[in-house]
Amino acid sequence: MDSAAYDGPHIDEHHYVARLVPAALVDMAPEMRAALDDGVTAIEPRAVEVADRAIREGAPWLASLPPRPDSGWQLDRWEAAVIAAAAYRDRYGITGMGLDADMATSREQRRDV
């Protein structure tokens, strides 16, 4: 995982943006599709950057996850979990120590759930 190596919008195999937000995969007006694609382009690199920083700095909430695998699909899944958790924490300004610290305590979090 490397934010410097980000190569454009990505919707994972389960149709989520940043492994967190369901992708809009229905037919729509070209203008709406372009706007949503712009959102994906903004969200993805930010999520990867925040996850990279958490790993580099040894964020305490990472201890809530299993140990980082060395390679293979297990590493891919671990990185996807870190990206999703980091994006969620970034979106809602969660600063607590645990993975789920302060879950759904703001009006915005309750609205988005």
PDB file of N, CA and C in Angstrom:
ATOM      1  N   MET A   1       0.851  -1.156   0.000  1.00  0.00           N
ATOM      2  CA  MET A   1       0.000   0.000   0.000  1.00  0.00           C
ATOM      3  C   MET A   1       0.900   1.222   0.000  1.00  0.00           C
ATOM      4  N   ASP A   2       0.689   2.084  -0.980  1.00  0.00           N
ATOM      5  CA  ASP A   2       1.549   3.250  -1.095  1.00  0.00           C
ATOM      6  C   ASP A   2       0.766   4.359  -1.768  1.00  0.00           C
ATOM      7  N   SER A   3       0.500   5.432  -1.029  1.00  0.00           N
ATOM      8  CA  SER A   3      -0.285   6.522  -1.595  1.00  0.00           C
ATOM      9  C   SER A   3       0.415   7.148  -2.794  1.00  0.00           C
ATOM     10  N   ALA A   4       1.729   7.104  -2.845  1.00  0.00           N
ATOM     11  CA  ALA A   4       2.462   7.659  -3.986  1.00  0.00           C
ATOM     12  C   ALA A   4       2.217   6.842  -5.250  1.00  0.00           C
ATOM     13  N   ALA A   5       1.862   5.583  -5.089  1.00  0.00           N
ATOM     14  CA  ALA A   5       1.637   4.705  -6.230  1.00  0.00           C
ATOM     15  C   ALA A   5       0.168   4.651  -6.643  1.00  0.00           C
ATOM     16  N   TYR A   6      -0.685   5.493  -6.083  1.00  0.00           N
ATOM     17  CA  TYR A   6      -2.108   5.492  -6.413  1.00  0.00           C
ATOM     18  C   TYR A   6      -2.289   5.672  -7.911  1.00  0.00           C
ATOM     19  N   ASP A   7      -3.104   4.809  -8.516  1.00  0.00           N
ATOM     20  CA  ASP A   7      -3.231   4.821  -9.973  1.00  0.00           C
ATOM     21  C   ASP A   7      -4.635   5.151 -10.469  1.00  0.00           C
ATOM     22  N   GLY A   8      -5.402   5.886  -9.716  1.00  0.00           N
ATOM     23  CA  GLY A   8      -6.715   6.318 -10.182  1.00  0.00           C
ATOM     24  C   GLY A   8      -7.855   5.666  -9.449  1.00  0.00           C
ATOM     25  N   PRO A   9      -9.083   6.015  -9.821  1.00  0.00           N
ATOM     26  CA  PRO A   9     -10.255   5.504  -9.120  1.00  0.00           C
ATOM     27  C   PRO A   9     -10.264   3.990  -9.054  1.00  0.00           C
ATOM     28  N   HIS A  10     -10.690   3.492  -7.910  1.00  0.00           N
ATOM     29  CA  HIS A  10     -10.735   2.052  -7.703  1.00  0.00           C
ATOM     30  C   HIS A  10     -12.019   1.696  -6.973  1.00  0.00           C
ATOM     31  N   ILE A  11     -12.743   0.767  -7.528  1.00  0.00           N
ATOM     32  CA  ILE A  11     -13.893   0.203  -6.831  1.00  0.00           C
ATOM     33  C   ILE A  11     -13.544  -1.254  -6.639  1.00  0.00           C
ATOM     34  N   ASP A  12     -13.513  -1.691  -5.377  1.00  0.00           N
ATOM     35  CA  ASP A  12     -13.037  -3.037  -5.096  1.00  0.00           C
ATOM     36  C   ASP A  12     -13.998  -4.105  -5.603  1.00  0.00           C
ATOM     37  N   GLU A  13     -13.590  -5.348  -5.444  1.00  0.00           N
ATOM     38  CA  GLU A  13     -14.364  -6.461  -5.987  1.00  0.00           C
ATOM     39  C   GLU A  13     -15.742  -6.591  -5.358  1.00  0.00           C
ATOM     40  N   HIS A  14     -15.962  -5.936  -4.235  1.00  0.00           N
ATOM     41  CA  HIS A  14     -17.269  -5.970  -3.576  1.00  0.00           C
ATOM     42  C   HIS A  14     -18.038  -4.678  -3.824  1.00  0.00           C
ATOM     43  N   HIS A  15     -17.541  -3.848  -4.744  1.00  0.00           N
ATOM     44  CA  HIS A  15     -18.199  -2.618  -5.175  1.00  0.00           C
ATOM     45  C   HIS A  15     -18.243  -1.550  -4.090  1.00  0.00           C
ATOM     46  N   TYR A  16     -17.112  -1.333  -3.456  1.00  0.00           N
ATOM     47  CA  TYR A  16     -16.988  -0.273  -2.464  1.00  0.00           C
ATOM     48  C   TYR A  16     -15.862   0.669  -2.845  1.00  0.00           C
ATOM     49  N   VAL A  17     -16.065   1.936  -2.583  1.00  0.00           N
ATOM     50  CA  VAL A  17     -15.053   2.967  -2.773  1.00  0.00           C
ATOM     51  C   VAL A  17     -14.314   3.099  -1.452  1.00  0.00           C
ATOM     52  N   ALA A  18     -12.995   3.088  -1.478  1.00  0.00           N
ATOM     53  CA  ALA A  18     -12.164   3.161  -0.275  1.00  0.00           C
ATOM     54  C   ALA A  18     -12.524   2.041   0.697  1.00  0.00           C
ATOM     55  N   ARG A  19     -13.026   0.947   0.165  1.00  0.00           N
ATOM     56  CA  ARG A  19     -13.390  -0.238   0.959  1.00  0.00           C
ATOM     57  C   ARG A  19     -14.444   0.093   2.002  1.00  0.00           C
ATOM     58  N   LEU A  20     -15.158   1.209   1.834  1.00  0.00           N
ATOM     59  CA  LEU A  20     -16.058   1.701   2.868  1.00  0.00           C
ATOM     60  C   LEU A  20     -17.407   2.160   2.339  1.00  0.00           C
ATOM     61  N   VAL A  21     -17.432   2.890   1.230  1.00  0.00           N
ATOM     62  CA  VAL A  21     -18.651   3.505   0.718  1.00  0.00           C
ATOM     63  C   VAL A  21     -19.166   2.695  -0.467  1.00  0.00           C
ATOM     64  N   PRO A  22     -20.440   2.260  -0.427  1.00  0.00           N
ATOM     65  CA  PRO A  22     -20.979   1.521  -1.581  1.00  0.00           C
ATOM     66  C   PRO A  22     -20.905   2.358  -2.851  1.00  0.00           C
ATOM     67  N   ALA A  23     -20.439   1.746  -3.913  1.00  0.00           N
ATOM     68  CA  ALA A  23     -20.323   2.441  -5.197  1.00  0.00           C
ATOM     69  C   ALA A  23     -21.686   2.525  -5.871  1.00  0.00           C
ATOM     70  N   ALA A  24     -21.907   3.591  -6.593  1.00  0.00           N
ATOM     71  CA  ALA A  24     -23.130   3.761  -7.380  1.00  0.00           C
ATOM     72  C   ALA A  24     -22.885   3.124  -8.744  1.00  0.00           C
ATOM     73  N   LEU A  25     -23.451   1.966  -8.961  1.00  0.00           N
ATOM     74  CA  LEU A  25     -23.185   1.212 -10.187  1.00  0.00           C
ATOM     75  C   LEU A  25     -24.371   1.180 -11.144  1.00  0.00           C
ATOM     76  N   VAL A  26     -25.374   1.996 -10.879  1.00  0.00           N
ATOM     77  CA  VAL A  26     -26.561   2.012 -11.728  1.00  0.00           C
ATOM     78  C   VAL A  26     -26.364   2.972 -12.892  1.00  0.00           C
ATOM     79  N   ASP A  27     -27.203   2.829 -13.926  1.00  0.00           N
ATOM     80  CA  ASP A  27     -27.171   3.764 -15.048  1.00  0.00           C
ATOM     81  C   ASP A  27     -27.623   5.136 -14.566  1.00  0.00           C
ATOM     82  N   MET A  28     -26.964   6.162 -15.069  1.00  0.00           N
ATOM     83  CA  MET A  28     -27.322   7.530 -14.685  1.00  0.00           C
ATOM     84  C   MET A  28     -26.856   8.491 -15.763  1.00  0.00           C
ATOM     85  N   ALA A  29     -27.283   9.723 -15.620  1.00  0.00           N
ATOM     86  CA  ALA A  29     -26.895  10.766 -16.572  1.00  0.00           C
ATOM     87  C   ALA A  29     -25.378  10.917 -16.559  1.00  0.00           C
ATOM     88  N   PRO A  30     -24.782  11.190 -17.709  1.00  0.00           N
ATOM     89  CA  PRO A  30     -23.325  11.337 -17.788  1.00  0.00           C
ATOM     90  C   PRO A  30     -22.757  12.368 -16.807  1.00  0.00           C
ATOM     91  N   GLU A  31     -23.488  13.463 -16.588  1.00  0.00           N
ATOM     92  CA  GLU A  31     -23.006  14.495 -15.662  1.00  0.00           C
ATOM     93  C   GLU A  31     -22.932  13.945 -14.233  1.00  0.00           C
ATOM     94  N   MET A  32     -23.944  13.165 -13.853  1.00  0.00           N
ATOM     95  CA  MET A  32     -23.959  12.567 -12.511  1.00  0.00           C
ATOM     96  C   MET A  32     -22.833  11.551 -12.381  1.00  0.00           C
ATOM     97  N   ARG A  33     -22.622  10.731 -13.416  1.00  0.00           N
ATOM     98  CA  ARG A  33     -21.545   9.742 -13.392  1.00  0.00           C
ATOM     99  C   ARG A  33     -20.196  10.451 -13.257  1.00  0.00           C
ATOM    100  N   ALA A  34     -20.010  11.539 -13.992  1.00  0.00           N
ATOM    101  CA  ALA A  34     -18.752  12.279 -13.917  1.00  0.00           C
ATOM    102  C   ALA A  34     -18.544  12.842 -12.513  1.00  0.00           C
ATOM    103  N   ALA A  35     -19.598  13.365 -11.912  1.00  0.00           N
ATOM    104  CA  ALA A  35     -19.481  13.918 -10.558  1.00  0.00           C
ATOM    105  C   ALA A  35     -19.128  12.819  -9.557  1.00  0.00           C
ATOM    106  N   LEU A  36     -19.761  11.672  -9.663  1.00  0.00           N
ATOM    107  CA  LEU A  36     -19.454  10.564  -8.753  1.00  0.00           C
ATOM    108  C   LEU A  36     -18.033  10.050  -8.974  1.00  0.00           C
ATOM    109  N   ASP A  37     -17.616   9.959 -10.219  1.00  0.00           N
ATOM    110  CA  ASP A  37     -16.245   9.525 -10.506  1.00  0.00           C
ATOM    111  C   ASP A  37     -15.222  10.510  -9.934  1.00  0.00           C
ATOM    112  N   ASP A  38     -15.550  11.807  -9.986  1.00  0.00           N
ATOM    113  CA  ASP A  38     -14.671  12.803  -9.373  1.00  0.00           C
ATOM    114  C   ASP A  38     -14.568  12.570  -7.872  1.00  0.00           C
ATOM    115  N   GLY A  39     -15.679  12.205  -7.253  1.00  0.00           N
ATOM    116  CA  GLY A  39     -15.668  11.907  -5.819  1.00  0.00           C
ATOM    117  C   GLY A  39     -14.782  10.718  -5.498  1.00  0.00           C
ATOM    118  N   VAL A  40     -14.882   9.675  -6.300  1.00  0.00           N
ATOM    119  CA  VAL A  40     -14.041   8.495  -6.111  1.00  0.00           C
ATOM    120  C   VAL A  40     -12.571   8.889  -6.251  1.00  0.00           C
ATOM    121  N   THR A  41     -12.296   9.723  -7.249  1.00  0.00           N
ATOM    122  CA  THR A  41     -10.923  10.170  -7.483  1.00  0.00           C
ATOM    123  C   THR A  41     -10.385  10.952  -6.293  1.00  0.00           C
ATOM    124  N   ALA A  42     -11.244  11.648  -5.571  1.00  0.00           N
ATOM    125  CA  ALA A  42     -10.816  12.404  -4.392  1.00  0.00           C
ATOM    126  C   ALA A  42     -10.721  11.521  -3.146  1.00  0.00           C
ATOM    127  N   ILE A  43     -11.643  10.600  -2.989  1.00  0.00           N
ATOM    128  CA  ILE A  43     -11.720   9.777  -1.780  1.00  0.00           C
ATOM    129  C   ILE A  43     -10.598   8.745  -1.712  1.00  0.00           C
ATOM    130  N   GLU A  44     -10.392   8.038  -2.789  1.00  0.00           N
ATOM    131  CA  GLU A  44      -9.443   6.920  -2.783  1.00  0.00           C
ATOM    132  C   GLU A  44      -8.027   7.309  -2.353  1.00  0.00           C
ATOM    133  N   PRO A  45      -7.398   8.292  -3.002  1.00  0.00           N
ATOM    134  CA  PRO A  45      -6.023   8.592  -2.591  1.00  0.00           C
ATOM    135  C   PRO A  45      -5.944   9.101  -1.161  1.00  0.00           C
ATOM    136  N   ARG A  46      -6.955   9.831  -0.721  1.00  0.00           N
ATOM    137  CA  ARG A  46      -6.975  10.316   0.668  1.00  0.00           C
ATOM    138  C   ARG A  46      -7.038   9.134   1.622  1.00  0.00           C
ATOM    139  N   ALA A  47      -7.887   8.152   1.342  1.00  0.00           N
ATOM    140  CA  ALA A  47      -8.009   6.983   2.209  1.00  0.00           C
ATOM    141  C   ALA A  47      -6.692   6.211   2.276  1.00  0.00           C
ATOM    142  N   VAL A  48      -6.039   6.025   1.146  1.00  0.00           N
ATOM    143  CA  VAL A  48      -4.765   5.308   1.112  1.00  0.00           C
ATOM    144  C   VAL A  48      -3.692   6.103   1.851  1.00  0.00           C
ATOM    145  N   GLU A  49      -3.684   7.424   1.666  1.00  0.00           N
ATOM    146  CA  GLU A  49      -2.705   8.272   2.356  1.00  0.00           C
ATOM    147  C   GLU A  49      -2.875   8.190   3.877  1.00  0.00           C
ATOM    148  N   VAL A  50      -4.109   8.264   4.350  1.00  0.00           N
ATOM    149  CA  VAL A  50      -4.369   8.217   5.793  1.00  0.00           C
ATOM    150  C   VAL A  50      -3.979   6.841   6.347  1.00  0.00           C
ATOM    151  N   ALA A  51      -4.274   5.781   5.601  1.00  0.00           N
ATOM    152  CA  ALA A  51      -3.894   4.433   6.036  1.00  0.00           C
ATOM    153  C   ALA A  51      -2.369   4.279   6.074  1.00  0.00           C
ATOM    154  N   ASP A  52      -1.697   4.769   5.031  1.00  0.00           N
ATOM    155  CA  ASP A  52      -0.227   4.716   5.014  1.00  0.00           C
ATOM    156  C   ASP A  52       0.360   5.435   6.223  1.00  0.00           C
ATOM    157  N   ARG A  53      -0.175   6.611   6.520  1.00  0.00           N
ATOM    158  CA  ARG A  53       0.332   7.381   7.657  1.00  0.00           C
ATOM    159  C   ARG A  53       0.103   6.630   8.971  1.00  0.00           C
ATOM    160  N   ALA A  54      -1.054   6.003   9.125  1.00  0.00           N
ATOM    161  CA  ALA A  54      -1.339   5.235  10.344  1.00  0.00           C
ATOM    162  C   ALA A  54      -0.326   4.108  10.515  1.00  0.00           C
ATOM    163  N   ILE A  55       0.005   3.437   9.424  1.00  0.00           N
ATOM    164  CA  ILE A  55       0.980   2.338   9.487  1.00  0.00           C
ATOM    165  C   ILE A  55       2.370   2.886   9.806  1.00  0.00           C
ATOM    166  N   ARG A  56       2.789   3.930   9.094  1.00  0.00           N
ATOM    167  CA  ARG A  56       4.118   4.524   9.323  1.00  0.00           C
ATOM    168  C   ARG A  56       4.302   4.991  10.761  1.00  0.00           C
ATOM    169  N   GLU A  57       3.252   5.621  11.298  1.00  0.00           N
ATOM    170  CA  GLU A  57       3.348   6.193  12.635  1.00  0.00           C
ATOM    171  C   GLU A  57       2.960   5.215  13.740  1.00  0.00           C
ATOM    172  N   GLY A  58       2.561   4.002  13.350  1.00  0.00           N
ATOM    173  CA  GLY A  58       2.180   3.002  14.346  1.00  0.00           C
ATOM    174  C   GLY A  58       0.971   3.424  15.164  1.00  0.00           C
ATOM    175  N   ALA A  59      -0.067   3.865  14.479  1.00  0.00           N
ATOM    176  CA  ALA A  59      -1.282   4.324  15.160  1.00  0.00           C
ATOM    177  C   ALA A  59      -1.771   3.263  16.145  1.00  0.00           C
ATOM    178  N   PRO A  60      -2.104   3.667  17.373  1.00  0.00           N
ATOM    179  CA  PRO A  60      -2.528   2.699  18.396  1.00  0.00           C
ATOM    180  C   PRO A  60      -3.719   1.846  17.988  1.00  0.00           C
ATOM    181  N   TRP A  61      -4.631   2.380  17.194  1.00  0.00           N
ATOM    182  CA  TRP A  61      -5.804   1.608  16.817  1.00  0.00           C
ATOM    183  C   TRP A  61      -5.472   0.413  15.936  1.00  0.00           C
ATOM    184  N   LEU A  62      -4.297   0.414  15.306  1.00  0.00           N
ATOM    185  CA  LEU A  62      -3.892  -0.742  14.496  1.00  0.00           C
ATOM    186  C   LEU A  62      -3.735  -2.000  15.346  1.00  0.00           C
ATOM    187  N   ALA A  63      -3.471  -1.829  16.644  1.00  0.00           N
ATOM    188  CA  ALA A  63      -3.331  -2.985  17.530  1.00  0.00           C
ATOM    189  C   ALA A  63      -4.643  -3.754  17.663  1.00  0.00           C
ATOM    190  N   SER A  64      -5.766  -3.127  17.270  1.00  0.00           N
ATOM    191  CA  SER A  64      -7.063  -3.805  17.307  1.00  0.00           C
ATOM    192  C   SER A  64      -7.220  -4.806  16.164  1.00  0.00           C
ATOM    193  N   LEU A  65      -6.336  -4.710  15.176  1.00  0.00           N
ATOM    194  CA  LEU A  65      -6.380  -5.622  14.028  1.00  0.00           C
ATOM    195  C   LEU A  65      -5.438  -6.794  14.255  1.00  0.00           C
ATOM    196  N   PRO A  66      -5.651  -7.878  13.515  1.00  0.00           N
ATOM    197  CA  PRO A  66      -4.679  -8.971  13.582  1.00  0.00           C
ATOM    198  C   PRO A  66      -3.319  -8.473  13.088  1.00  0.00           C
ATOM    199  N   PRO A  67      -2.240  -9.188  13.405  1.00  0.00           N
ATOM    200  CA  PRO A  67      -0.912  -8.776  12.915  1.00  0.00           C
ATOM    201  C   PRO A  67      -0.890  -8.708  11.386  1.00  0.00           C
ATOM    202  N   ARG A  68      -0.062  -7.818  10.850  1.00  0.00           N
ATOM    203  CA  ARG A  68       0.046  -7.651   9.401  1.00  0.00           C
ATOM    204  C   ARG A  68       0.659  -8.900   8.776  1.00  0.00           C
ATOM    205  N   PRO A  69      -0.066  -9.529   7.838  1.00  0.00           N
ATOM    206  CA  PRO A  69       0.491 -10.699   7.134  1.00  0.00           C
ATOM    207  C   PRO A  69       1.654 -10.278   6.230  1.00  0.00           C
ATOM    208  N   ASP A  70       2.482 -11.242   5.874  1.00  0.00           N
ATOM    209  CA  ASP A  70       3.650 -10.951   5.041  1.00  0.00           C
ATOM    210  C   ASP A  70       3.306 -10.755   3.574  1.00  0.00           C
ATOM    211  N   SER A  71       2.340 -11.504   3.054  1.00  0.00           N
ATOM    212  CA  SER A  71       2.041 -11.423   1.623  1.00  0.00           C
ATOM    213  C   SER A  71       0.728 -12.123   1.318  1.00  0.00           C
ATOM    214  N   GLY A  72       0.380 -12.113   0.040  1.00  0.00           N
ATOM    215  CA  GLY A  72      -0.775 -12.848  -0.445  1.00  0.00           C
ATOM    216  C   GLY A  72      -2.099 -12.167  -0.176  1.00  0.00           C
ATOM    217  N   TRP A  73      -3.161 -12.941  -0.341  1.00  0.00           N
ATOM    218  CA  TRP A  73      -4.501 -12.395  -0.179  1.00  0.00           C
ATOM    219  C   TRP A  73      -4.758 -11.932   1.246  1.00  0.00           C
ATOM    220  N   GLN A  74      -4.060 -12.542   2.227  1.00  0.00           N
ATOM    221  CA  GLN A  74      -4.244 -12.105   3.609  1.00  0.00           C
ATOM    222  C   GLN A  74      -3.756 -10.663   3.789  1.00  0.00           C
ATOM    223  N   LEU A  75      -2.625 -10.342   3.156  1.00  0.00           N
ATOM    224  CA  LEU A  75      -2.112  -8.976   3.218  1.00  0.00           C
ATOM    225  C   LEU A  75      -3.066  -8.017   2.512  1.00  0.00           C
ATOM    226  N   ASP A  76      -3.602  -8.425   1.357  1.00  0.00           N
ATOM    227  CA  ASP A  76      -4.568  -7.582   0.637  1.00  0.00           C
ATOM    228  C   ASP A  76      -5.775  -7.276   1.515  1.00  0.00           C
ATOM    229  N   ARG A  77      -6.286  -8.287   2.192  1.00  0.00           N
ATOM    230  CA  ARG A  77      -7.451  -8.083   3.082  1.00  0.00           C
ATOM    231  C   ARG A  77      -7.090  -7.200   4.264  1.00  0.00           C
ATOM    232  N   TRP A  78      -5.911  -7.407   4.838  1.00  0.00           N
ATOM    233  CA  TRP A  78      -5.487  -6.600   5.975  1.00  0.00           C
ATOM    234  C   TRP A  78      -5.384  -5.136   5.560  1.00  0.00           C
ATOM    235  N   GLU A  79      -4.753  -4.888   4.413  1.00  0.00           N
ATOM    236  CA  GLU A  79      -4.622  -3.518   3.924  1.00  0.00           C
ATOM    237  C   GLU A  79      -5.983  -2.896   3.628  1.00  0.00           C
ATOM    238  N   ALA A  80      -6.901  -3.673   3.067  1.00  0.00           N
ATOM    239  CA  ALA A  80      -8.246  -3.162   2.808  1.00  0.00           C
ATOM    240  C   ALA A  80      -8.930  -2.770   4.117  1.00  0.00           C
ATOM    241  N   ALA A  81      -8.746  -3.566   5.158  1.00  0.00           N
ATOM    242  CA  ALA A  81      -9.333  -3.242   6.465  1.00  0.00           C
ATOM    243  C   ALA A  81      -8.728  -1.966   7.031  1.00  0.00           C
ATOM    244  N   VAL A  82      -7.419  -1.808   6.882  1.00  0.00           N
ATOM    245  CA  VAL A  82      -6.756  -0.595   7.374  1.00  0.00           C
ATOM    246  C   VAL A  82      -7.260   0.622   6.608  1.00  0.00           C
ATOM    247  N   ILE A  83      -7.395   0.511   5.304  1.00  0.00           N
ATOM    248  CA  ILE A  83      -7.882   1.628   4.498  1.00  0.00           C
ATOM    249  C   ILE A  83      -9.298   2.006   4.918  1.00  0.00           C
ATOM    250  N   ALA A  84     -10.169   1.025   5.073  1.00  0.00           N
ATOM    251  CA  ALA A  84     -11.550   1.315   5.474  1.00  0.00           C
ATOM    252  C   ALA A  84     -11.603   1.961   6.849  1.00  0.00           C
ATOM    253  N   ALA A  85     -10.873   1.412   7.811  1.00  0.00           N
ATOM    254  CA  ALA A  85     -10.875   1.968   9.167  1.00  0.00           C
ATOM    255  C   ALA A  85     -10.278   3.369   9.182  1.00  0.00           C
ATOM    256  N   ALA A  86      -9.192   3.569   8.464  1.00  0.00           N
ATOM    257  CA  ALA A  86      -8.545   4.884   8.422  1.00  0.00           C
ATOM    258  C   ALA A  86      -9.463   5.910   7.772  1.00  0.00           C
ATOM    259  N   ALA A  87     -10.143   5.522   6.686  1.00  0.00           N
ATOM    260  CA  ALA A  87     -11.060   6.436   6.008  1.00  0.00           C
ATOM    261  C   ALA A  87     -12.220   6.810   6.931  1.00  0.00           C
ATOM    262  N   TYR A  88     -12.761   5.842   7.643  1.00  0.00           N
ATOM    263  CA  TYR A  88     -13.861   6.095   8.576  1.00  0.00           C
ATOM    264  C   TYR A  88     -13.396   7.045   9.679  1.00  0.00           C
ATOM    265  N   ARG A  89     -12.259   6.742  10.270  1.00  0.00           N
ATOM    266  CA  ARG A  89     -11.733   7.572  11.353  1.00  0.00           C
ATOM    267  C   ARG A  89     -11.444   8.984  10.861  1.00  0.00           C
ATOM    268  N   ASP A  90     -10.915   9.113   9.637  1.00  0.00           N
ATOM    269  CA  ASP A  90     -10.633  10.415   9.061  1.00  0.00           C
ATOM    270  C   ASP A  90     -11.925  11.177   8.794  1.00  0.00           C
ATOM    271  N   ARG A  91     -12.894  10.522   8.228  1.00  0.00           N
ATOM    272  CA  ARG A  91     -14.175  11.164   7.876  1.00  0.00           C
ATOM    273  C   ARG A  91     -14.862  11.758   9.097  1.00  0.00           C
ATOM    274  N   TYR A  92     -14.807  11.029  10.211  1.00  0.00           N
ATOM    275  CA  TYR A  92     -15.535  11.456  11.400  1.00  0.00           C
ATOM    276  C   TYR A  92     -14.640  12.060  12.474  1.00  0.00           C
ATOM    277  N   GLY A  93     -13.374  12.264  12.175  1.00  0.00           N
ATOM    278  CA  GLY A  93     -12.478  12.897  13.133  1.00  0.00           C
ATOM    279  C   GLY A  93     -12.271  12.088  14.401  1.00  0.00           C
ATOM    280  N   ILE A  94     -12.287  10.777  14.275  1.00  0.00           N
ATOM    281  CA  ILE A  94     -12.105   9.909  15.440  1.00  0.00           C
ATOM    282  C   ILE A  94     -10.627   9.900  15.820  1.00  0.00           C
ATOM    283  N   THR A  95     -10.361  10.193  17.059  1.00  0.00           N
ATOM    284  CA  THR A  95      -8.977  10.267  17.521  1.00  0.00           C
ATOM    285  C   THR A  95      -8.702   9.315  18.673  1.00  0.00           C
ATOM    286  N   GLY A  96      -9.700   8.572  19.120  1.00  0.00           N
ATOM    287  CA  GLY A  96      -9.513   7.645  20.236  1.00  0.00           C
ATOM    288  C   GLY A  96      -8.538   6.539  19.898  1.00  0.00           C
ATOM    289  N   MET A  97      -8.153   5.797  20.904  1.00  0.00           N
ATOM    290  CA  MET A  97      -7.126   4.771  20.760  1.00  0.00           C
ATOM    291  C   MET A  97      -7.612   3.514  20.048  1.00  0.00           C
ATOM    292  N   GLY A  98      -8.846   3.119  20.262  1.00  0.00           N
ATOM    293  CA  GLY A  98      -9.342   1.870  19.692  1.00  0.00           C
ATOM    294  C   GLY A  98      -9.800   2.027  18.260  1.00  0.00           C
ATOM    295  N   LEU A  99      -9.959   0.894  17.595  1.00  0.00           N
ATOM    296  CA  LEU A  99     -10.421   0.878  16.212  1.00  0.00           C
ATOM    297  C   LEU A  99     -11.784   1.532  16.095  1.00  0.00           C
ATOM    298  N   ASP A 100     -12.663   1.263  17.049  1.00  0.00           N
ATOM    299  CA  ASP A 100     -14.025   1.773  16.981  1.00  0.00           C
ATOM    300  C   ASP A 100     -14.280   2.867  18.011  1.00  0.00           C
ATOM    301  N   ALA A 101     -13.252   3.565  18.424  1.00  0.00           N
ATOM    302  CA  ALA A 101     -13.398   4.619  19.428  1.00  0.00           C
ATOM    303  C   ALA A 101     -14.439   5.637  18.975  1.00  0.00           C
ATOM    304  N   ASP A 102     -15.296   5.995  19.894  1.00  0.00           N
ATOM    305  CA  ASP A 102     -16.301   7.028  19.645  1.00  0.00           C
ATOM    306  C   ASP A 102     -17.222   6.700  18.469  1.00  0.00           C
ATOM    307  N   MET A 103     -17.492   5.429  18.242  1.00  0.00           N
ATOM    308  CA  MET A 103     -18.325   5.038  17.103  1.00  0.00           C
ATOM    309  C   MET A 103     -19.703   5.684  17.194  1.00  0.00           C
ATOM    310  N   ALA A 104     -20.148   6.216  16.077  1.00  0.00           N
ATOM    311  CA  ALA A 104     -21.492   6.760  15.889  1.00  0.00           C
ATOM    312  C   ALA A 104     -21.921   7.689  17.011  1.00  0.00           C
ATOM    313  N   THR A 105     -21.042   8.593  17.402  1.00  0.00           N
ATOM    314  CA  THR A 105     -21.414   9.527  18.457  1.00  0.00           C
ATOM    315  C   THR A 105     -21.793  10.895  17.907  1.00  0.00           C
ATOM    316  N   SER A 106     -21.437  11.193  16.700  1.00  0.00           N
ATOM    317  CA  SER A 106     -21.799  12.489  16.138  1.00  0.00           C
ATOM    318  C   SER A 106     -23.086  12.363  15.329  1.00  0.00           C
ATOM    319  N   ARG A 107     -23.711  13.478  15.112  1.00  0.00           N
ATOM    320  CA  ARG A 107     -24.932  13.510  14.305  1.00  0.00           C
ATOM    321  C   ARG A 107     -24.642  12.984  12.902  1.00  0.00           C
ATOM    322  N   GLU A 108     -23.475  13.361  12.336  1.00  0.00           N
ATOM    323  CA  GLU A 108     -23.116  12.920  10.993  1.00  0.00           C
ATOM    324  C   GLU A 108     -22.934  11.397  10.949  1.00  0.00           C
ATOM    325  N   GLN A 109     -22.296  10.843  11.961  1.00  0.00           N
ATOM    326  CA  GLN A 109     -22.104   9.392  11.979  1.00  0.00           C
ATOM    327  C   GLN A 109     -23.444   8.674  12.054  1.00  0.00           C
ATOM    328  N   ARG A 110     -24.322   9.116  12.924  1.00  0.00           N
ATOM    329  CA  ARG A 110     -25.625   8.456  13.054  1.00  0.00           C
ATOM    330  C   ARG A 110     -26.405   8.581  11.755  1.00  0.00           C
ATOM    331  N   ARG A 111     -26.294   9.728  11.067  1.00  0.00           N
ATOM    332  CA  ARG A 111     -26.997   9.924   9.812  1.00  0.00           C
ATOM    333  C   ARG A 111     -26.466   8.994   8.737  1.00  0.00           C
ATOM    334  N   ASP A 112     -25.162   8.790   8.709  1.00  0.00           N
ATOM    335  CA  ASP A 112     -24.533   7.979   7.664  1.00  0.00           C
ATOM    336  C   ASP A 112     -24.677   6.483   7.881  1.00  0.00           C
ATOM    337  N   VAL A 113     -25.030   6.069   9.088  1.00  0.00           N
ATOM    338  CA  VAL A 113     -25.117   4.631   9.376  1.00  0.00           C
ATOM    339  C   VAL A 113     -26.304   4.026   8.683  1.00  0.00           C
TER     340      VAL A 113
END
